[in-house]
Amino acid sequence: MDILKRKRGRPKVDVSKFKNDYMDVNEVSKLFKISVSHIYTLTSNKKIPHIKLLGKKLLFDRKEINEWLKSKKVSIK
């Protein structure tokens, strides 16, 4: 497993290879202009599509986030 690095017996995820396809919590926070803690709240309430790696690291697929944003669009009459 190329993306996993061991540190004190616990795997560490190396997400640098996925930067083009995925965003981390800080990037999503900046994109939406909301706090990191609010992003965590959205993920824990399953309100935003995300990937949880090894029970800790959160990633967000750029394509899924764009589709999710489009689905939240409110049309004007």
C-alpha atoms as a PDB file:
ATOM      1  CA  MET A   1       0.000   0.000   0.000  1.00  0.00           C
ATOM      2  CA  ASP A   2       1.805   2.968  -1.361  1.00  0.00           C
ATOM      3  CA  ILE A   3      -0.388   5.635   0.206  1.00  0.00           C
ATOM      4  CA  LEU A   4      -0.119   4.306   3.749  1.00  0.00           C
ATOM      5  CA  LYS A   5       2.853   5.060   5.953  1.00  0.00           C
ATOM      6  CA  ARG A   6       3.387   3.388   9.300  1.00  0.00           C
ATOM      7  CA  LYS A   7       4.120   5.446  12.382  1.00  0.00           C
ATOM      8  CA  ARG A   8       4.159   3.733  15.755  1.00  0.00           C
ATOM      9  CA  GLY A   9       2.155   0.812  14.443  1.00  0.00           C
ATOM     10  CA  ARG A  10      -0.658   3.005  13.145  1.00  0.00           C
ATOM     11  CA  PRO A  11      -1.014   3.634   9.404  1.00  0.00           C
ATOM     12  CA  LYS A  12      -0.693   7.240   8.269  1.00  0.00           C
ATOM     13  CA  VAL A  13      -2.400   8.288   5.066  1.00  0.00           C
ATOM     14  CA  ASP A  14      -0.350  10.142   2.477  1.00  0.00           C
ATOM     15  CA  VAL A  15      -2.957  12.098   0.509  1.00  0.00           C
ATOM     16  CA  SER A  16      -0.521  14.183  -1.514  1.00  0.00           C
ATOM     17  CA  LYS A  17      -1.021  11.860  -4.506  1.00  0.00           C
ATOM     18  CA  PHE A  18      -4.733  12.670  -4.557  1.00  0.00           C
ATOM     19  CA  LYS A  19      -4.545  16.476  -4.446  1.00  0.00           C
ATOM     20  CA  ASN A  20      -5.938  16.868  -7.970  1.00  0.00           C
ATOM     21  CA  ASP A  21      -9.000  14.706  -7.321  1.00  0.00           C
ATOM     22  CA  TYR A  22      -9.675  15.286  -3.620  1.00  0.00           C
ATOM     23  CA  MET A  23      -9.779  18.145  -1.132  1.00  0.00           C
ATOM     24  CA  ASP A  24      -9.136  18.094   2.590  1.00  0.00           C
ATOM     25  CA  VAL A  25     -11.220  19.779   5.287  1.00  0.00           C
ATOM     26  CA  ASN A  26      -9.272  23.047   5.085  1.00  0.00           C
ATOM     27  CA  GLU A  27      -9.737  23.355   1.325  1.00  0.00           C
ATOM     28  CA  VAL A  28     -13.483  22.742   1.585  1.00  0.00           C
ATOM     29  CA  SER A  29     -13.696  25.244   4.418  1.00  0.00           C
ATOM     30  CA  LYS A  30     -12.023  27.906   2.269  1.00  0.00           C
ATOM     31  CA  LEU A  31     -14.160  27.018  -0.758  1.00  0.00           C
ATOM     32  CA  PHE A  32     -17.435  27.407   1.164  1.00  0.00           C
ATOM     33  CA  LYS A  33     -16.116  30.212   3.397  1.00  0.00           C
ATOM     34  CA  ILE A  34     -17.257  28.414   6.538  1.00  0.00           C
ATOM     35  CA  SER A  35     -15.345  27.127   9.554  1.00  0.00           C
ATOM     36  CA  VAL A  36     -13.586  23.775   9.694  1.00  0.00           C
ATOM     37  CA  SER A  37     -15.722  22.831  12.691  1.00  0.00           C
ATOM     38  CA  HIS A  38     -18.860  23.405  10.606  1.00  0.00           C
ATOM     39  CA  ILE A  39     -17.457  21.104   7.907  1.00  0.00           C
ATOM     40  CA  TYR A  40     -16.995  18.432  10.594  1.00  0.00           C
ATOM     41  CA  THR A  41     -20.590  19.007  11.713  1.00  0.00           C
ATOM     42  CA  LEU A  42     -21.828  18.580   8.140  1.00  0.00           C
ATOM     43  CA  THR A  43     -19.893  15.343   7.745  1.00  0.00           C
ATOM     44  CA  SER A  44     -21.002  13.900  11.076  1.00  0.00           C
ATOM     45  CA  ASN A  45     -24.626  14.665  10.151  1.00  0.00           C
ATOM     46  CA  LYS A  46     -24.042  13.157   6.694  1.00  0.00           C
ATOM     47  CA  LYS A  47     -25.063  16.382   4.969  1.00  0.00           C
ATOM     48  CA  ILE A  48     -22.054  16.596   2.660  1.00  0.00           C
ATOM     49  CA  PRO A  49     -20.435  13.824   0.579  1.00  0.00           C
ATOM     50  CA  HIS A  50     -17.087  12.751   2.012  1.00  0.00           C
ATOM     51  CA  ILE A  51     -14.670   9.883   2.434  1.00  0.00           C
ATOM     52  CA  LYS A  52     -13.379   8.895   5.850  1.00  0.00           C
ATOM     53  CA  LEU A  53      -9.999   7.181   5.752  1.00  0.00           C
ATOM     54  CA  LEU A  54      -8.895   4.970   8.626  1.00  0.00           C
ATOM     55  CA  GLY A  55     -11.496   6.495  10.908  1.00  0.00           C
ATOM     56  CA  LYS A  56      -9.880   9.921  11.020  1.00  0.00           C
ATOM     57  CA  LYS A  57      -8.773  11.632   7.786  1.00  0.00           C
ATOM     58  CA  LEU A  58     -11.565  13.222   5.743  1.00  0.00           C
ATOM     59  CA  LEU A  59     -11.371  13.706   1.994  1.00  0.00           C
ATOM     60  CA  PHE A  60     -13.843  15.287  -0.391  1.00  0.00           C
ATOM     61  CA  ASP A  61     -14.056  14.292  -4.047  1.00  0.00           C
ATOM     62  CA  ARG A  62     -13.955  17.490  -6.108  1.00  0.00           C
ATOM     63  CA  LYS A  63     -16.466  16.167  -8.655  1.00  0.00           C
ATOM     64  CA  GLU A  64     -18.895  15.005  -5.966  1.00  0.00           C
ATOM     65  CA  ILE A  65     -18.682  18.340  -4.162  1.00  0.00           C
ATOM     66  CA  ASN A  66     -19.448  20.197  -7.406  1.00  0.00           C
ATOM     67  CA  GLU A  67     -22.428  17.925  -8.097  1.00  0.00           C
ATOM     68  CA  TRP A  68     -23.610  18.325  -4.506  1.00  0.00           C
ATOM     69  CA  LEU A  69     -23.434  22.116  -4.825  1.00  0.00           C
ATOM     70  CA  LYS A  70     -25.413  22.010  -8.056  1.00  0.00           C
ATOM     71  CA  SER A  71     -28.082  19.887  -6.381  1.00  0.00           C
ATOM     72  CA  LYS A  72     -28.508  22.578  -3.716  1.00  0.00           C
ATOM     73  CA  LYS A  73     -29.342  25.207  -6.301  1.00  0.00           C
ATOM     74  CA  VAL A  74     -32.652  26.987  -5.797  1.00  0.00           C
ATOM     75  CA  SER A  75     -34.291  28.019  -9.040  1.00  0.00           C
ATOM     76  CA  ILE A  76     -35.964  31.399  -9.431  1.00  0.00           C
ATOM     77  CA  LYS A  77     -39.484  31.648 -10.781  1.00  0.00           C
END
